[in-house]
Amino acid sequence: MRYQISGKQIDIGEALQTHVMNELSTTVEKYAGRPTEATVIFSKSGSEFVCETIVHLSTGLTCQAKDHAHEIYASFDGCCEKMDKQLRRNKRRLKDHHRHRSEPVELSDAGSYILAATEDDSNEGDDSSPVIIAEMEAKIPSISVGEAVMQMEISHLPVVVFKNEKHGGLNVVYRRDDGNIGWIDPKVAG
């Protein structure tokens, strides 16, 4: 598994990195046999340390956990416990849905952009394109609709964009205001 362990404006020592790698690999491999990548970010919020962990599994799922504590090791340990609980809760679903998958999920590269909020008072008229304030790389998995819904539930995301492995088209699943899940499957004009 590849690890990316970093700190936002704080130094991360070798001992902490070793602790993170050992504990996280033990936790994740207990429930998911093929983790591919883990990103752990430490930051400081007031007097507390915040730890955010994102683990990408070869099944296409992404698990996320976040915790905070007054000590940096405690923030990671709390985050690791949340990851353990999340994976344990979803282990049966993961096994049932991915039993047939022998190869890791194919990921496509995409761009992800954050646009500046528009103000109602300023109608410039000529310049109608939004201002891009951040640009990042995103990965779009090639999975089934059921796997996309599971990804959304496990990761607590409001929306998941994916390539439907049945027909190769881009699809979207999202959580509706009424609590149900919506699925957008554009038809190809032919």
N, C-alpha and C. Protein backbone atom coordinates (compact mmCIF):
# COMPACT_ATOMS: atom_id res chain seq x y z
N MET A 1 0.86 -1.17 0.00
CA MET A 1 0.00 0.00 0.00
C MET A 1 0.90 1.23 0.00
N ARG A 2 0.53 2.22 -0.80
CA ARG A 2 1.27 3.49 -0.83
C ARG A 2 0.70 4.42 0.23
N TYR A 3 1.60 5.06 0.94
CA TYR A 3 1.20 5.99 2.00
C TYR A 3 1.64 7.41 1.63
N GLN A 4 0.77 8.36 1.90
CA GLN A 4 1.11 9.76 1.78
C GLN A 4 0.71 10.40 3.11
N ILE A 5 1.72 10.66 3.93
CA ILE A 5 1.48 11.19 5.27
C ILE A 5 2.05 12.59 5.31
N SER A 6 1.20 13.57 5.61
CA SER A 6 1.68 14.96 5.60
C SER A 6 1.02 15.76 6.71
N GLY A 7 1.60 16.92 6.95
CA GLY A 7 1.06 17.83 7.95
C GLY A 7 0.86 19.21 7.35
N LYS A 8 -0.23 19.83 7.69
CA LYS A 8 -0.49 21.20 7.23
C LYS A 8 0.10 22.15 8.26
N GLN A 9 1.22 22.73 7.92
CA GLN A 9 1.93 23.70 8.75
C GLN A 9 2.38 23.12 10.09
N ILE A 10 2.57 21.79 10.13
CA ILE A 10 3.19 21.14 11.29
C ILE A 10 4.13 20.06 10.77
N ASP A 11 5.19 19.79 11.54
CA ASP A 11 6.15 18.76 11.16
C ASP A 11 5.67 17.40 11.62
N ILE A 12 5.83 16.42 10.74
CA ILE A 12 5.47 15.04 11.04
C ILE A 12 6.77 14.25 11.15
N GLY A 13 7.06 13.72 12.31
CA GLY A 13 8.30 13.00 12.55
C GLY A 13 8.25 11.57 12.04
N GLU A 14 9.42 10.93 11.98
CA GLU A 14 9.53 9.54 11.52
C GLU A 14 8.74 8.58 12.42
N ALA A 15 8.79 8.82 13.73
CA ALA A 15 8.09 7.93 14.66
C ALA A 15 6.58 7.94 14.40
N LEU A 16 6.02 9.11 14.17
CA LEU A 16 4.59 9.21 13.88
C LEU A 16 4.26 8.54 12.55
N GLN A 17 5.10 8.74 11.54
CA GLN A 17 4.87 8.11 10.24
C GLN A 17 4.90 6.59 10.35
N THR A 18 5.85 6.06 11.10
CA THR A 18 5.93 4.61 11.30
C THR A 18 4.71 4.10 12.04
N HIS A 19 4.28 4.82 13.08
CA HIS A 19 3.08 4.46 13.83
C HIS A 19 1.85 4.43 12.92
N VAL A 20 1.71 5.46 12.08
CA VAL A 20 0.57 5.55 11.16
C VAL A 20 0.58 4.37 10.19
N MET A 21 1.73 4.08 9.58
CA MET A 21 1.80 2.99 8.61
C MET A 21 1.46 1.64 9.26
N ASN A 22 2.02 1.38 10.44
CA ASN A 22 1.77 0.10 11.11
C ASN A 22 0.31 -0.07 11.51
N GLU A 23 -0.23 0.94 12.18
CA GLU A 23 -1.60 0.84 12.68
C GLU A 23 -2.63 0.83 11.55
N LEU A 24 -2.43 1.69 10.56
CA LEU A 24 -3.40 1.77 9.46
C LEU A 24 -3.39 0.50 8.62
N SER A 25 -2.20 -0.04 8.35
CA SER A 25 -2.15 -1.27 7.56
C SER A 25 -2.81 -2.42 8.31
N THR A 26 -2.61 -2.50 9.62
CA THR A 26 -3.24 -3.55 10.42
C THR A 26 -4.77 -3.41 10.38
N THR A 27 -5.26 -2.20 10.54
CA THR A 27 -6.70 -1.95 10.55
C THR A 27 -7.33 -2.25 9.20
N VAL A 28 -6.75 -1.71 8.14
CA VAL A 28 -7.36 -1.84 6.82
C VAL A 28 -7.27 -3.27 6.30
N GLU A 29 -6.13 -3.91 6.47
CA GLU A 29 -5.96 -5.26 5.93
C GLU A 29 -6.80 -6.29 6.68
N LYS A 30 -7.27 -5.95 7.88
CA LYS A 30 -8.14 -6.84 8.64
C LYS A 30 -9.48 -7.02 7.90
N TYR A 31 -9.95 -5.97 7.23
CA TYR A 31 -11.26 -6.01 6.59
C TYR A 31 -11.21 -5.93 5.07
N ALA A 32 -10.18 -5.34 4.51
CA ALA A 32 -10.09 -5.18 3.06
C ALA A 32 -8.72 -5.70 2.64
N GLY A 33 -8.70 -6.79 1.90
CA GLY A 33 -7.46 -7.45 1.56
C GLY A 33 -6.56 -6.71 0.61
N ARG A 34 -7.09 -5.78 -0.19
CA ARG A 34 -6.26 -5.14 -1.21
C ARG A 34 -6.34 -3.62 -1.18
N PRO A 35 -5.86 -2.99 -0.12
CA PRO A 35 -5.82 -1.52 -0.14
C PRO A 35 -4.73 -1.07 -1.09
N THR A 36 -4.94 0.05 -1.77
CA THR A 36 -3.95 0.51 -2.74
C THR A 36 -3.23 1.78 -2.29
N GLU A 37 -3.95 2.69 -1.65
CA GLU A 37 -3.35 3.98 -1.32
C GLU A 37 -4.00 4.55 -0.07
N ALA A 38 -3.19 5.17 0.77
CA ALA A 38 -3.71 5.83 1.98
C ALA A 38 -3.12 7.22 2.07
N THR A 39 -3.97 8.20 2.35
CA THR A 39 -3.55 9.58 2.55
C THR A 39 -3.94 9.98 3.96
N VAL A 40 -2.96 10.42 4.74
CA VAL A 40 -3.20 10.86 6.11
C VAL A 40 -2.69 12.29 6.24
N ILE A 41 -3.58 13.18 6.64
CA ILE A 41 -3.23 14.60 6.76
C ILE A 41 -3.47 15.05 8.20
N PHE A 42 -2.42 15.59 8.80
CA PHE A 42 -2.52 16.14 10.14
C PHE A 42 -2.55 17.66 10.05
N SER A 43 -3.35 18.29 10.89
CA SER A 43 -3.41 19.75 10.94
C SER A 43 -3.70 20.16 12.38
N LYS A 44 -3.65 21.45 12.61
CA LYS A 44 -3.90 21.98 13.96
C LYS A 44 -5.11 22.91 13.86
N SER A 45 -6.04 22.74 14.79
CA SER A 45 -7.22 23.59 14.86
C SER A 45 -7.34 24.07 16.30
N GLY A 46 -6.93 25.30 16.53
CA GLY A 46 -6.92 25.82 17.89
C GLY A 46 -5.89 25.07 18.71
N SER A 47 -6.32 24.47 19.81
CA SER A 47 -5.40 23.71 20.65
C SER A 47 -5.42 22.22 20.34
N GLU A 48 -6.20 21.81 19.35
CA GLU A 48 -6.34 20.40 19.03
C GLU A 48 -5.66 20.04 17.71
N PHE A 49 -5.23 18.78 17.62
CA PHE A 49 -4.71 18.23 16.39
C PHE A 49 -5.85 17.54 15.66
N VAL A 50 -5.90 17.69 14.34
CA VAL A 50 -6.93 17.05 13.52
C VAL A 50 -6.24 16.06 12.60
N CYS A 51 -6.79 14.87 12.50
CA CYS A 51 -6.27 13.84 11.61
C CYS A 51 -7.38 13.44 10.64
N GLU A 52 -7.08 13.50 9.35
CA GLU A 52 -8.03 13.08 8.33
C GLU A 52 -7.36 11.98 7.51
N THR A 53 -8.04 10.84 7.39
CA THR A 53 -7.48 9.68 6.70
C THR A 53 -8.41 9.28 5.56
N ILE A 54 -7.81 9.04 4.39
CA ILE A 54 -8.55 8.59 3.21
C ILE A 54 -7.83 7.35 2.70
N VAL A 55 -8.56 6.24 2.57
CA VAL A 55 -7.98 4.99 2.08
C VAL A 55 -8.73 4.57 0.82
N HIS A 56 -7.98 4.35 -0.26
CA HIS A 56 -8.55 3.87 -1.51
C HIS A 56 -8.33 2.36 -1.58
N LEU A 57 -9.40 1.62 -1.81
CA LEU A 57 -9.34 0.17 -1.92
C LEU A 57 -9.35 -0.24 -3.39
N SER A 58 -8.81 -1.40 -3.69
CA SER A 58 -8.77 -1.86 -5.08
C SER A 58 -10.16 -2.15 -5.63
N THR A 59 -11.14 -2.27 -4.76
CA THR A 59 -12.52 -2.51 -5.19
C THR A 59 -13.18 -1.23 -5.71
N GLY A 60 -12.47 -0.11 -5.63
CA GLY A 60 -13.03 1.16 -6.08
C GLY A 60 -13.61 1.99 -4.96
N LEU A 61 -13.72 1.44 -3.77
CA LEU A 61 -14.28 2.17 -2.64
C LEU A 61 -13.22 3.07 -2.01
N THR A 62 -13.70 4.16 -1.46
CA THR A 62 -12.84 5.08 -0.73
C THR A 62 -13.45 5.25 0.65
N CYS A 63 -12.66 4.96 1.69
CA CYS A 63 -13.12 5.12 3.07
C CYS A 63 -12.44 6.35 3.66
N GLN A 64 -13.21 7.14 4.40
CA GLN A 64 -12.69 8.36 5.00
C GLN A 64 -13.04 8.39 6.48
N ALA A 65 -12.12 8.94 7.27
CA ALA A 65 -12.39 9.14 8.69
C ALA A 65 -11.65 10.40 9.13
N LYS A 66 -12.19 11.05 10.16
CA LYS A 66 -11.60 12.29 10.67
C LYS A 66 -11.82 12.33 12.17
N ASP A 67 -10.78 12.75 12.89
CA ASP A 67 -10.91 12.85 14.34
C ASP A 67 -9.99 13.97 14.83
N HIS A 68 -10.24 14.45 16.04
CA HIS A 68 -9.40 15.49 16.63
C HIS A 68 -9.19 15.19 18.11
N ALA A 69 -8.03 15.60 18.61
CA ALA A 69 -7.69 15.39 20.02
C ALA A 69 -6.60 16.38 20.39
N HIS A 70 -6.30 16.47 21.68
CA HIS A 70 -5.27 17.40 22.14
C HIS A 70 -3.86 16.90 21.86
N GLU A 71 -3.70 15.60 21.60
CA GLU A 71 -2.40 15.04 21.24
C GLU A 71 -2.49 14.46 19.84
N ILE A 72 -1.39 14.56 19.08
CA ILE A 72 -1.39 14.15 17.68
C ILE A 72 -1.59 12.64 17.51
N TYR A 73 -0.97 11.84 18.39
CA TYR A 73 -1.15 10.39 18.31
C TYR A 73 -2.59 10.00 18.63
N ALA A 74 -3.19 10.67 19.59
CA ALA A 74 -4.58 10.38 19.95
C ALA A 74 -5.54 10.73 18.82
N SER A 75 -5.23 11.80 18.07
CA SER A 75 -6.09 12.16 16.94
C SER A 75 -6.04 11.08 15.87
N PHE A 76 -4.83 10.53 15.62
CA PHE A 76 -4.73 9.45 14.63
C PHE A 76 -5.41 8.18 15.14
N ASP A 77 -5.20 7.83 16.40
CA ASP A 77 -5.80 6.62 16.95
C ASP A 77 -7.33 6.68 16.89
N GLY A 78 -7.90 7.84 17.18
CA GLY A 78 -9.36 8.01 17.07
C GLY A 78 -9.82 7.87 15.64
N CYS A 79 -9.06 8.43 14.72
CA CYS A 79 -9.37 8.34 13.30
C CYS A 79 -9.30 6.88 12.84
N CYS A 80 -8.30 6.16 13.31
CA CYS A 80 -8.12 4.75 12.96
C CYS A 80 -9.28 3.91 13.51
N GLU A 81 -9.75 4.21 14.70
CA GLU A 81 -10.90 3.50 15.28
C GLU A 81 -12.15 3.72 14.43
N LYS A 82 -12.35 4.95 13.96
CA LYS A 82 -13.51 5.24 13.11
C LYS A 82 -13.42 4.47 11.79
N MET A 83 -12.20 4.40 11.23
CA MET A 83 -11.98 3.65 9.99
C MET A 83 -12.29 2.17 10.23
N ASP A 84 -11.82 1.63 11.34
CA ASP A 84 -12.06 0.23 11.70
C ASP A 84 -13.56 -0.04 11.80
N LYS A 85 -14.28 0.82 12.49
CA LYS A 85 -15.72 0.65 12.67
C LYS A 85 -16.45 0.71 11.34
N GLN A 86 -16.06 1.66 10.49
CA GLN A 86 -16.69 1.82 9.19
C GLN A 86 -16.46 0.59 8.31
N LEU A 87 -15.24 0.08 8.28
CA LEU A 87 -14.93 -1.09 7.47
C LEU A 87 -15.61 -2.34 8.02
N ARG A 88 -15.63 -2.49 9.33
CA ARG A 88 -16.28 -3.64 9.96
C ARG A 88 -17.76 -3.66 9.64
N ARG A 89 -18.40 -2.49 9.71
CA ARG A 89 -19.84 -2.38 9.46
C ARG A 89 -20.19 -2.75 8.02
N ASN A 90 -19.27 -2.47 7.11
CA ASN A 90 -19.56 -2.69 5.70
C ASN A 90 -18.85 -3.91 5.11
N LYS A 91 -18.22 -4.72 5.94
CA LYS A 91 -17.45 -5.87 5.44
C LYS A 91 -18.32 -6.84 4.66
N ARG A 92 -19.50 -7.16 5.17
CA ARG A 92 -20.36 -8.13 4.49
C ARG A 92 -20.78 -7.61 3.12
N ARG A 93 -21.15 -6.34 3.06
CA ARG A 93 -21.53 -5.77 1.76
C ARG A 93 -20.35 -5.75 0.80
N LEU A 94 -19.17 -5.43 1.30
CA LEU A 94 -17.99 -5.42 0.45
C LEU A 94 -17.71 -6.81 -0.11
N LYS A 95 -17.82 -7.83 0.72
CA LYS A 95 -17.55 -9.19 0.26
C LYS A 95 -18.58 -9.62 -0.78
N ASP A 96 -19.85 -9.35 -0.54
CA ASP A 96 -20.89 -9.78 -1.46
C ASP A 96 -20.80 -9.08 -2.81
N HIS A 97 -20.54 -7.78 -2.80
CA HIS A 97 -20.52 -7.03 -4.05
C HIS A 97 -19.27 -7.26 -4.87
N HIS A 98 -18.16 -7.58 -4.24
CA HIS A 98 -16.90 -7.63 -4.96
C HIS A 98 -16.32 -9.03 -5.08
N ARG A 99 -17.11 -10.05 -4.78
CA ARG A 99 -16.62 -11.41 -4.86
C ARG A 99 -16.19 -11.75 -6.29
N HIS A 100 -16.92 -11.25 -7.27
CA HIS A 100 -16.63 -11.56 -8.67
C HIS A 100 -15.46 -10.75 -9.24
N ARG A 101 -15.03 -9.71 -8.58
CA ARG A 101 -14.00 -8.82 -9.12
C ARG A 101 -12.61 -9.38 -8.82
N SER A 102 -11.90 -9.79 -9.88
CA SER A 102 -10.55 -10.33 -9.68
C SER A 102 -9.47 -9.28 -9.92
N GLU A 103 -9.78 -8.25 -10.67
CA GLU A 103 -8.83 -7.18 -10.98
C GLU A 103 -9.23 -5.90 -10.24
N PRO A 104 -8.26 -5.06 -9.93
CA PRO A 104 -8.61 -3.77 -9.33
C PRO A 104 -9.48 -2.93 -10.28
N VAL A 105 -10.23 -2.02 -9.71
CA VAL A 105 -11.11 -1.16 -10.49
C VAL A 105 -10.27 -0.22 -11.36
N GLU A 106 -10.71 -0.06 -12.61
CA GLU A 106 -10.03 0.86 -13.52
C GLU A 106 -10.41 2.30 -13.15
N LEU A 107 -9.40 3.17 -13.06
CA LEU A 107 -9.64 4.57 -12.72
C LEU A 107 -9.25 5.45 -13.89
N SER A 108 -10.10 6.40 -14.22
CA SER A 108 -9.82 7.36 -15.28
C SER A 108 -9.47 8.71 -14.66
N ASP A 109 -8.54 9.43 -15.28
CA ASP A 109 -8.17 10.75 -14.79
C ASP A 109 -9.21 11.79 -15.19
N ALA A 110 -9.41 12.76 -14.33
CA ALA A 110 -10.35 13.85 -14.60
C ALA A 110 -9.87 15.09 -13.85
N GLY A 111 -10.39 16.22 -14.23
CA GLY A 111 -10.09 17.47 -13.53
C GLY A 111 -11.21 17.81 -12.56
N SER A 112 -10.84 18.36 -11.43
CA SER A 112 -11.81 18.79 -10.44
C SER A 112 -11.52 20.25 -10.14
N TYR A 113 -12.54 21.09 -10.18
CA TYR A 113 -12.34 22.54 -10.03
C TYR A 113 -13.25 23.08 -8.94
N ILE A 114 -12.75 24.06 -8.20
CA ILE A 114 -13.56 24.78 -7.24
C ILE A 114 -13.78 26.18 -7.81
N LEU A 115 -15.04 26.57 -7.92
CA LEU A 115 -15.39 27.85 -8.50
C LEU A 115 -15.74 28.85 -7.39
N ALA A 116 -15.39 30.09 -7.61
CA ALA A 116 -15.71 31.14 -6.64
C ALA A 116 -17.22 31.34 -6.60
N ALA A 117 -17.74 31.61 -5.42
CA ALA A 117 -19.17 31.88 -5.26
C ALA A 117 -19.51 33.18 -5.98
N THR A 118 -20.65 33.18 -6.65
CA THR A 118 -21.06 34.39 -7.37
C THR A 118 -21.86 35.28 -6.43
N GLU A 119 -21.69 36.56 -6.60
CA GLU A 119 -22.43 37.53 -5.80
C GLU A 119 -23.57 38.07 -6.65
N ASP A 120 -24.76 38.15 -6.06
CA ASP A 120 -25.93 38.60 -6.80
C ASP A 120 -25.84 40.07 -7.18
N ASP A 121 -25.11 40.87 -6.39
CA ASP A 121 -25.04 42.31 -6.63
C ASP A 121 -24.21 42.66 -7.85
N SER A 122 -23.20 41.85 -8.16
CA SER A 122 -22.29 42.23 -9.25
C SER A 122 -22.64 41.48 -10.53
N ASN A 123 -23.37 42.09 -11.39
CA ASN A 123 -23.64 41.55 -12.71
C ASN A 123 -22.76 42.29 -13.70
N GLU A 124 -21.61 41.72 -13.97
CA GLU A 124 -20.63 42.35 -14.84
C GLU A 124 -21.10 42.34 -16.29
N GLY A 125 -21.97 41.37 -16.64
CA GLY A 125 -22.52 41.35 -17.99
C GLY A 125 -21.64 40.60 -18.96
N ASP A 126 -20.49 41.17 -19.34
CA ASP A 126 -19.66 40.58 -20.38
C ASP A 126 -18.95 39.31 -19.92
N ASP A 127 -18.45 39.29 -18.71
CA ASP A 127 -17.67 38.15 -18.23
C ASP A 127 -18.59 37.19 -17.49
N SER A 128 -19.15 36.19 -18.20
CA SER A 128 -20.10 35.26 -17.58
C SER A 128 -19.44 33.97 -17.13
N SER A 129 -18.16 33.76 -17.40
CA SER A 129 -17.51 32.53 -16.96
C SER A 129 -17.08 32.67 -15.50
N PRO A 130 -17.28 31.60 -14.71
CA PRO A 130 -16.94 31.67 -13.28
C PRO A 130 -15.43 31.70 -13.06
N VAL A 131 -15.04 32.19 -11.91
CA VAL A 131 -13.63 32.28 -11.54
C VAL A 131 -13.23 30.97 -10.87
N ILE A 132 -12.18 30.32 -11.40
CA ILE A 132 -11.67 29.09 -10.83
C ILE A 132 -10.68 29.45 -9.73
N ILE A 133 -10.94 28.97 -8.50
CA ILE A 133 -10.05 29.30 -7.39
C ILE A 133 -9.17 28.12 -6.98
N ALA A 134 -9.49 26.90 -7.45
CA ALA A 134 -8.65 25.74 -7.17
C ALA A 134 -8.84 24.71 -8.27
N GLU A 135 -7.77 24.00 -8.58
CA GLU A 135 -7.79 22.98 -9.62
C GLU A 135 -7.06 21.75 -9.09
N MET A 136 -7.73 20.59 -9.15
CA MET A 136 -7.15 19.37 -8.61
C MET A 136 -7.37 18.22 -9.58
N GLU A 137 -6.68 17.12 -9.33
CA GLU A 137 -6.86 15.93 -10.13
C GLU A 137 -7.85 15.02 -9.41
N ALA A 138 -8.74 14.40 -10.16
CA ALA A 138 -9.71 13.47 -9.60
C ALA A 138 -9.62 12.16 -10.36
N LYS A 139 -10.08 11.09 -9.74
CA LYS A 139 -10.11 9.76 -10.36
C LYS A 139 -11.56 9.33 -10.47
N ILE A 140 -11.95 8.84 -11.66
CA ILE A 140 -13.31 8.36 -11.88
C ILE A 140 -13.24 6.84 -12.02
N PRO A 141 -13.86 6.09 -11.06
CA PRO A 141 -13.79 4.63 -11.12
C PRO A 141 -14.77 4.06 -12.14
N SER A 142 -14.43 2.91 -12.68
CA SER A 142 -15.31 2.16 -13.57
C SER A 142 -15.94 1.04 -12.72
N ILE A 143 -17.17 1.28 -12.24
CA ILE A 143 -17.84 0.38 -11.31
C ILE A 143 -19.31 0.23 -11.68
N SER A 144 -20.01 -0.64 -10.98
CA SER A 144 -21.45 -0.81 -11.20
C SER A 144 -22.22 0.23 -10.40
N VAL A 145 -23.51 0.34 -10.68
CA VAL A 145 -24.36 1.30 -9.96
C VAL A 145 -24.42 0.95 -8.48
N GLY A 146 -24.55 -0.33 -8.17
CA GLY A 146 -24.60 -0.76 -6.77
C GLY A 146 -23.32 -0.41 -6.02
N GLU A 147 -22.17 -0.58 -6.69
CA GLU A 147 -20.90 -0.23 -6.06
C GLU A 147 -20.78 1.27 -5.86
N ALA A 148 -21.32 2.06 -6.78
CA ALA A 148 -21.29 3.52 -6.65
C ALA A 148 -22.14 3.96 -5.46
N VAL A 149 -23.30 3.35 -5.29
CA VAL A 149 -24.16 3.68 -4.15
C VAL A 149 -23.46 3.30 -2.85
N MET A 150 -22.82 2.13 -2.83
CA MET A 150 -22.09 1.73 -1.63
C MET A 150 -20.94 2.68 -1.35
N GLN A 151 -20.23 3.12 -2.40
CA GLN A 151 -19.14 4.09 -2.25
C GLN A 151 -19.67 5.38 -1.62
N MET A 152 -20.82 5.83 -2.08
CA MET A 152 -21.40 7.06 -1.56
C MET A 152 -21.77 6.90 -0.08
N GLU A 153 -22.35 5.76 0.28
CA GLU A 153 -22.75 5.54 1.66
C GLU A 153 -21.56 5.39 2.59
N ILE A 154 -20.54 4.64 2.17
CA ILE A 154 -19.37 4.42 3.01
C ILE A 154 -18.60 5.72 3.22
N SER A 155 -18.45 6.49 2.15
CA SER A 155 -17.66 7.72 2.22
C SER A 155 -18.45 8.92 2.72
N HIS A 156 -19.74 8.77 2.91
CA HIS A 156 -20.61 9.87 3.35
C HIS A 156 -20.51 11.04 2.39
N LEU A 157 -20.48 10.74 1.09
CA LEU A 157 -20.42 11.79 0.07
C LEU A 157 -21.84 12.12 -0.40
N PRO A 158 -22.08 13.36 -0.84
CA PRO A 158 -23.41 13.70 -1.36
C PRO A 158 -23.61 13.23 -2.80
N VAL A 159 -22.50 13.00 -3.54
CA VAL A 159 -22.59 12.62 -4.95
C VAL A 159 -21.35 11.81 -5.34
N VAL A 160 -21.55 10.84 -6.26
CA VAL A 160 -20.44 10.06 -6.81
C VAL A 160 -20.59 10.03 -8.32
N VAL A 161 -19.53 10.44 -9.02
CA VAL A 161 -19.48 10.35 -10.47
C VAL A 161 -18.67 9.11 -10.80
N PHE A 162 -19.17 8.26 -11.72
CA PHE A 162 -18.47 7.03 -12.06
C PHE A 162 -18.74 6.65 -13.50
N LYS A 163 -17.87 5.77 -14.02
CA LYS A 163 -18.06 5.23 -15.36
C LYS A 163 -18.80 3.90 -15.17
N ASN A 164 -20.00 3.80 -15.74
CA ASN A 164 -20.81 2.59 -15.60
C ASN A 164 -20.13 1.45 -16.34
N GLU A 165 -19.73 0.39 -15.61
CA GLU A 165 -18.98 -0.68 -16.24
C GLU A 165 -19.81 -1.50 -17.22
N LYS A 166 -21.14 -1.35 -17.20
CA LYS A 166 -21.98 -2.08 -18.16
C LYS A 166 -21.88 -1.49 -19.56
N HIS A 167 -21.89 -0.15 -19.67
CA HIS A 167 -21.89 0.45 -20.99
C HIS A 167 -20.80 1.50 -21.19
N GLY A 168 -20.01 1.79 -20.16
CA GLY A 168 -18.88 2.71 -20.31
C GLY A 168 -19.22 4.18 -20.26
N GLY A 169 -20.49 4.53 -20.07
CA GLY A 169 -20.89 5.94 -20.01
C GLY A 169 -20.73 6.51 -18.61
N LEU A 170 -20.58 7.83 -18.54
CA LEU A 170 -20.50 8.50 -17.24
C LEU A 170 -21.88 8.55 -16.59
N ASN A 171 -21.93 8.22 -15.30
CA ASN A 171 -23.16 8.21 -14.53
C ASN A 171 -22.93 8.96 -13.23
N VAL A 172 -24.03 9.33 -12.56
CA VAL A 172 -23.97 10.03 -11.28
C VAL A 172 -25.00 9.41 -10.35
N VAL A 173 -24.60 9.14 -9.11
CA VAL A 173 -25.56 8.81 -8.06
C VAL A 173 -25.44 9.91 -7.01
N TYR A 174 -26.57 10.29 -6.42
CA TYR A 174 -26.57 11.40 -5.46
C TYR A 174 -27.66 11.19 -4.43
N ARG A 175 -27.46 11.80 -3.27
CA ARG A 175 -28.45 11.73 -2.20
C ARG A 175 -29.46 12.86 -2.39
N ARG A 176 -30.72 12.51 -2.49
CA ARG A 176 -31.79 13.48 -2.69
C ARG A 176 -32.17 14.12 -1.36
N ASP A 177 -32.86 15.25 -1.42
CA ASP A 177 -33.31 15.95 -0.21
C ASP A 177 -34.28 15.11 0.61
N ASP A 178 -35.04 14.20 -0.05
CA ASP A 178 -35.99 13.37 0.67
C ASP A 178 -35.34 12.12 1.29
N GLY A 179 -34.00 11.99 1.17
CA GLY A 179 -33.28 10.87 1.77
C GLY A 179 -33.04 9.71 0.82
N ASN A 180 -33.76 9.67 -0.28
CA ASN A 180 -33.57 8.61 -1.26
C ASN A 180 -32.32 8.89 -2.09
N ILE A 181 -31.96 7.93 -2.93
CA ILE A 181 -30.77 8.08 -3.78
C ILE A 181 -31.22 8.22 -5.23
N GLY A 182 -30.70 9.22 -5.91
CA GLY A 182 -30.99 9.45 -7.31
C GLY A 182 -29.86 8.90 -8.17
N TRP A 183 -30.19 8.52 -9.43
CA TRP A 183 -29.20 7.97 -10.35
C TRP A 183 -29.41 8.63 -11.71
N ILE A 184 -28.38 9.26 -12.22
CA ILE A 184 -28.45 9.89 -13.55
C ILE A 184 -27.66 9.02 -14.51
N ASP A 185 -28.35 8.53 -15.56
CA ASP A 185 -27.76 7.66 -16.58
C ASP A 185 -28.11 8.24 -17.94
N PRO A 186 -27.27 9.15 -18.47
CA PRO A 186 -27.57 9.78 -19.76
C PRO A 186 -27.65 8.75 -20.88
N LYS A 187 -28.63 8.92 -21.74
CA LYS A 187 -28.77 8.05 -22.90
C LYS A 187 -27.94 8.61 -24.03
N VAL A 188 -27.26 7.74 -24.74
CA VAL A 188 -26.42 8.15 -25.86
C VAL A 188 -27.33 8.32 -27.09
N ALA A 189 -27.28 9.51 -27.72
CA ALA A 189 -28.09 9.77 -28.90
C ALA A 189 -27.56 8.92 -30.05
N GLY A 190 -28.44 8.19 -30.70
CA GLY A 190 -27.95 7.30 -31.74
C GLY A 190 -28.91 7.16 -32.77
